């Protein structure tokens, strides 16, 4: 048998806050077509991501992978930093 990992959800978002030790909040934007008006609209959702090394800053774009729940609202871990942003 091969050691293939089961499919895990991967999300890409921008870091908006550093919520605490080893945690960041990211904002994920997706574009959907409105069912009635047939116009493309943006939908946003916030996720809390586990950052083991406290390596990301506000403004960075990161990629996070689904994992087993770490706390009540945290079920994603940092996979990689896609691009480094500027912190205000």
N, C-alpha and C. Protein backbone atom coordinates (compact mmCIF):
# COMPACT_ATOMS: atom_id res chain seq x y z
N UNK A 1 0.82 -1.19 0.00
CA UNK A 1 0.00 0.00 0.00
C UNK A 1 0.86 1.24 0.00
N UNK A 2 0.38 2.27 -0.66
CA UNK A 2 1.12 3.52 -0.69
C UNK A 2 0.73 4.40 0.50
N UNK A 3 1.63 5.29 0.86
CA UNK A 3 1.37 6.17 1.99
C UNK A 3 0.83 7.51 1.50
N UNK A 4 -0.33 7.49 0.85
CA UNK A 4 -0.95 8.70 0.33
C UNK A 4 -1.80 9.32 1.43
N UNK A 5 -1.60 10.61 1.67
CA UNK A 5 -2.39 11.30 2.69
C UNK A 5 -3.80 11.51 2.18
N UNK A 6 -4.78 11.44 3.08
CA UNK A 6 -6.15 11.74 2.65
C UNK A 6 -6.28 13.20 2.24
N UNK A 7 -7.29 13.48 1.42
CA UNK A 7 -7.48 14.84 0.93
C UNK A 7 -7.79 15.79 2.07
N UNK A 8 -7.01 16.86 2.15
CA UNK A 8 -7.21 17.90 3.17
C UNK A 8 -7.52 19.21 2.44
N UNK A 9 -8.41 20.00 3.01
CA UNK A 9 -8.77 21.27 2.42
C UNK A 9 -7.63 22.26 2.57
N UNK A 10 -7.33 23.00 1.51
CA UNK A 10 -6.29 24.02 1.53
C UNK A 10 -6.95 25.35 1.21
N UNK A 11 -6.71 26.36 2.06
CA UNK A 11 -7.27 27.68 1.85
C UNK A 11 -6.16 28.70 1.76
N UNK A 12 -6.40 29.76 1.00
CA UNK A 12 -5.43 30.84 0.85
C UNK A 12 -6.11 32.13 1.29
N UNK A 13 -5.45 32.86 2.19
CA UNK A 13 -6.04 34.09 2.69
C UNK A 13 -5.00 35.06 3.20
N UNK A 14 -5.47 36.26 3.52
CA UNK A 14 -4.60 37.33 4.00
C UNK A 14 -4.70 37.43 5.52
N UNK A 15 -3.56 37.56 6.19
CA UNK A 15 -3.53 37.66 7.64
C UNK A 15 -4.04 39.05 8.04
N UNK A 16 -5.10 39.06 8.88
CA UNK A 16 -5.66 40.35 9.31
C UNK A 16 -5.31 40.67 10.75
N UNK A 17 -5.19 39.66 11.62
CA UNK A 17 -4.80 39.91 13.01
C UNK A 17 -3.95 38.77 13.53
N UNK A 18 -3.10 39.11 14.51
CA UNK A 18 -2.39 38.08 15.27
C UNK A 18 -3.16 37.96 16.57
N UNK A 19 -3.97 36.89 16.70
CA UNK A 19 -4.92 36.79 17.79
C UNK A 19 -4.29 36.42 19.12
N UNK A 20 -3.23 35.69 19.12
CA UNK A 20 -2.60 35.29 20.37
C UNK A 20 -1.31 34.55 20.08
N UNK A 21 -0.81 33.81 21.05
CA UNK A 21 0.41 33.05 20.85
C UNK A 21 0.12 31.89 19.92
N UNK A 22 0.87 31.78 18.83
CA UNK A 22 0.76 30.71 17.84
C UNK A 22 -0.57 30.69 17.10
N UNK A 23 -1.23 31.84 17.00
CA UNK A 23 -2.50 31.91 16.28
C UNK A 23 -2.58 33.18 15.45
N UNK A 24 -3.12 33.05 14.25
CA UNK A 24 -3.40 34.20 13.40
C UNK A 24 -4.79 34.04 12.80
N UNK A 25 -5.42 35.15 12.48
CA UNK A 25 -6.71 35.13 11.81
C UNK A 25 -6.50 35.55 10.37
N UNK A 26 -7.05 34.74 9.44
CA UNK A 26 -6.93 35.07 8.02
C UNK A 26 -8.32 35.34 7.46
N UNK A 27 -8.35 36.14 6.41
CA UNK A 27 -9.59 36.47 5.72
C UNK A 27 -9.53 35.84 4.34
N UNK A 28 -10.48 34.96 4.05
CA UNK A 28 -10.53 34.25 2.77
C UNK A 28 -11.66 34.86 1.95
N UNK A 29 -11.35 35.24 0.72
CA UNK A 29 -12.32 35.85 -0.17
C UNK A 29 -12.64 34.88 -1.30
N UNK A 30 -13.93 34.70 -1.58
CA UNK A 30 -14.31 33.88 -2.73
C UNK A 30 -15.35 34.64 -3.53
N UNK A 31 -15.39 34.38 -4.82
CA UNK A 31 -16.31 35.07 -5.71
C UNK A 31 -17.37 34.09 -6.17
N UNK A 32 -18.63 34.48 -6.00
CA UNK A 32 -19.75 33.63 -6.40
C UNK A 32 -20.71 34.45 -7.25
N UNK A 33 -21.53 33.77 -8.02
CA UNK A 33 -22.53 34.43 -8.82
C UNK A 33 -23.81 34.53 -8.01
N UNK A 34 -24.38 35.74 -7.94
CA UNK A 34 -25.61 35.96 -7.21
C UNK A 34 -26.74 35.18 -7.89
N UNK A 35 -27.54 34.45 -7.11
CA UNK A 35 -28.55 33.59 -7.75
C UNK A 35 -29.63 34.34 -8.52
N UNK A 36 -29.98 35.54 -8.08
CA UNK A 36 -31.05 36.27 -8.75
C UNK A 36 -30.52 37.24 -9.81
N UNK A 37 -29.50 38.02 -9.45
CA UNK A 37 -29.04 39.09 -10.33
C UNK A 37 -27.92 38.67 -11.27
N UNK A 38 -27.38 37.47 -11.11
CA UNK A 38 -26.32 36.93 -11.99
C UNK A 38 -25.10 37.83 -12.05
N UNK A 39 -24.78 38.48 -10.95
CA UNK A 39 -23.61 39.32 -10.87
C UNK A 39 -22.60 38.65 -9.95
N UNK A 40 -21.32 38.82 -10.22
CA UNK A 40 -20.30 38.23 -9.38
C UNK A 40 -20.15 39.09 -8.12
N UNK A 41 -20.32 38.46 -6.97
CA UNK A 41 -20.19 39.15 -5.69
C UNK A 41 -19.13 38.46 -4.85
N UNK A 42 -18.56 39.19 -3.90
CA UNK A 42 -17.52 38.64 -3.03
C UNK A 42 -18.14 38.14 -1.75
N UNK A 43 -17.67 37.02 -1.27
CA UNK A 43 -18.06 36.47 0.03
C UNK A 43 -16.79 36.31 0.84
N UNK A 44 -16.85 36.69 2.13
CA UNK A 44 -15.68 36.65 2.99
C UNK A 44 -15.94 35.74 4.18
N UNK A 45 -14.87 35.08 4.65
CA UNK A 45 -14.95 34.27 5.86
C UNK A 45 -13.61 34.33 6.57
N UNK A 46 -13.67 34.37 7.91
CA UNK A 46 -12.45 34.40 8.71
C UNK A 46 -12.17 33.01 9.29
N UNK A 47 -10.90 32.62 9.27
CA UNK A 47 -10.46 31.37 9.85
C UNK A 47 -9.32 31.66 10.82
N UNK A 48 -9.24 30.88 11.89
CA UNK A 48 -8.12 30.98 12.81
C UNK A 48 -7.15 29.85 12.45
N UNK A 49 -5.88 30.22 12.25
CA UNK A 49 -4.86 29.29 11.77
C UNK A 49 -3.77 29.15 12.83
N UNK A 50 -3.31 27.93 13.04
CA UNK A 50 -2.23 27.65 14.00
C UNK A 50 -0.89 27.93 13.33
N UNK A 51 -0.10 28.80 13.94
CA UNK A 51 1.24 29.17 13.45
C UNK A 51 2.25 28.78 14.52
N UNK A 52 2.85 27.64 14.38
CA UNK A 52 3.71 27.06 15.42
C UNK A 52 4.89 27.96 15.77
N UNK A 53 5.52 28.59 14.76
CA UNK A 53 6.75 29.36 15.01
C UNK A 53 6.52 30.86 15.12
N UNK A 54 5.28 31.32 15.11
CA UNK A 54 4.97 32.75 15.10
C UNK A 54 5.74 33.48 14.00
N UNK A 55 5.72 32.92 12.79
CA UNK A 55 6.55 33.44 11.70
C UNK A 55 5.83 34.42 10.79
N UNK A 56 4.51 34.46 10.81
CA UNK A 56 3.80 35.35 9.88
C UNK A 56 3.45 36.67 10.55
N UNK A 57 3.26 37.69 9.70
CA UNK A 57 2.91 39.03 10.17
C UNK A 57 1.61 39.46 9.52
N UNK A 58 1.03 40.52 10.04
CA UNK A 58 -0.20 41.06 9.46
C UNK A 58 0.09 41.57 8.05
N UNK A 59 -0.75 41.19 7.09
CA UNK A 59 -0.56 41.59 5.70
C UNK A 59 -0.02 40.48 4.82
N UNK A 60 0.54 39.43 5.40
CA UNK A 60 1.05 38.31 4.62
C UNK A 60 -0.10 37.51 4.01
N UNK A 61 0.14 36.93 2.86
CA UNK A 61 -0.81 36.00 2.25
C UNK A 61 -0.26 34.60 2.51
N UNK A 62 -1.08 33.76 3.15
CA UNK A 62 -0.60 32.43 3.53
C UNK A 62 -1.52 31.35 2.99
N UNK A 63 -0.99 30.14 3.00
CA UNK A 63 -1.74 28.96 2.62
C UNK A 63 -1.86 28.08 3.86
N UNK A 64 -3.08 27.66 4.18
CA UNK A 64 -3.32 26.86 5.38
C UNK A 64 -3.97 25.55 4.99
N UNK A 65 -3.66 24.50 5.77
CA UNK A 65 -4.19 23.17 5.48
C UNK A 65 -5.03 22.69 6.66
N UNK A 66 -6.11 22.02 6.36
CA UNK A 66 -7.01 21.51 7.38
C UNK A 66 -6.32 20.44 8.21
N UNK A 67 -6.63 20.41 9.50
CA UNK A 67 -6.06 19.41 10.40
C UNK A 67 -7.10 19.05 11.44
N UNK A 68 -6.72 18.19 12.37
CA UNK A 68 -7.65 17.88 13.45
C UNK A 68 -7.83 19.11 14.33
N UNK A 69 -8.97 19.26 15.00
CA UNK A 69 -9.19 20.47 15.79
C UNK A 69 -8.15 20.65 16.89
N UNK A 70 -7.58 21.86 16.93
CA UNK A 70 -6.58 22.19 17.94
C UNK A 70 -7.26 22.85 19.13
N UNK A 71 -8.28 23.66 18.86
CA UNK A 71 -9.10 24.27 19.90
C UNK A 71 -10.53 24.38 19.37
N UNK A 72 -11.35 25.17 20.05
CA UNK A 72 -12.76 25.24 19.67
C UNK A 72 -12.97 25.75 18.24
N UNK A 73 -12.22 26.78 17.85
CA UNK A 73 -12.40 27.37 16.51
C UNK A 73 -11.19 27.20 15.60
N UNK A 74 -10.15 26.52 16.05
CA UNK A 74 -8.92 26.41 15.27
C UNK A 74 -8.76 25.00 14.72
N UNK A 75 -8.87 24.86 13.39
CA UNK A 75 -8.74 23.55 12.76
C UNK A 75 -7.90 23.62 11.48
N UNK A 76 -7.04 24.63 11.36
CA UNK A 76 -6.14 24.78 10.22
C UNK A 76 -4.73 25.06 10.73
N UNK A 77 -3.74 24.54 10.02
CA UNK A 77 -2.34 24.83 10.34
C UNK A 77 -1.68 25.53 9.16
N UNK A 78 -0.66 26.30 9.47
CA UNK A 78 0.07 27.03 8.44
C UNK A 78 0.81 26.05 7.55
N UNK A 79 0.64 26.20 6.24
CA UNK A 79 1.34 25.34 5.29
C UNK A 79 2.55 26.06 4.71
N UNK A 80 2.33 27.26 4.16
CA UNK A 80 3.44 28.06 3.65
C UNK A 80 3.01 29.51 3.50
N UNK A 81 3.98 30.39 3.44
CA UNK A 81 3.73 31.80 3.20
C UNK A 81 3.83 32.04 1.71
N UNK A 82 2.73 32.50 1.10
CA UNK A 82 2.70 32.72 -0.35
C UNK A 82 3.43 34.02 -0.69
N UNK A 83 3.07 35.10 0.01
CA UNK A 83 3.75 36.38 -0.23
C UNK A 83 3.80 37.18 1.06
N UNK A 84 4.85 37.96 1.20
CA UNK A 84 5.04 38.76 2.40
C UNK A 84 4.41 40.13 2.16
N UNK A 85 3.61 40.59 3.09
CA UNK A 85 2.95 41.89 2.95
C UNK A 85 3.64 42.95 3.78
N UNK A 86 3.05 44.12 3.78
CA UNK A 86 3.58 45.21 4.57
C UNK A 86 2.68 45.41 5.77
N UNK A 87 3.30 45.51 6.94
CA UNK A 87 2.55 45.70 8.19
C UNK A 87 2.40 47.19 8.43
N UNK A 88 1.19 47.61 8.72
CA UNK A 88 0.94 49.02 8.95
C UNK A 88 1.15 49.39 10.39
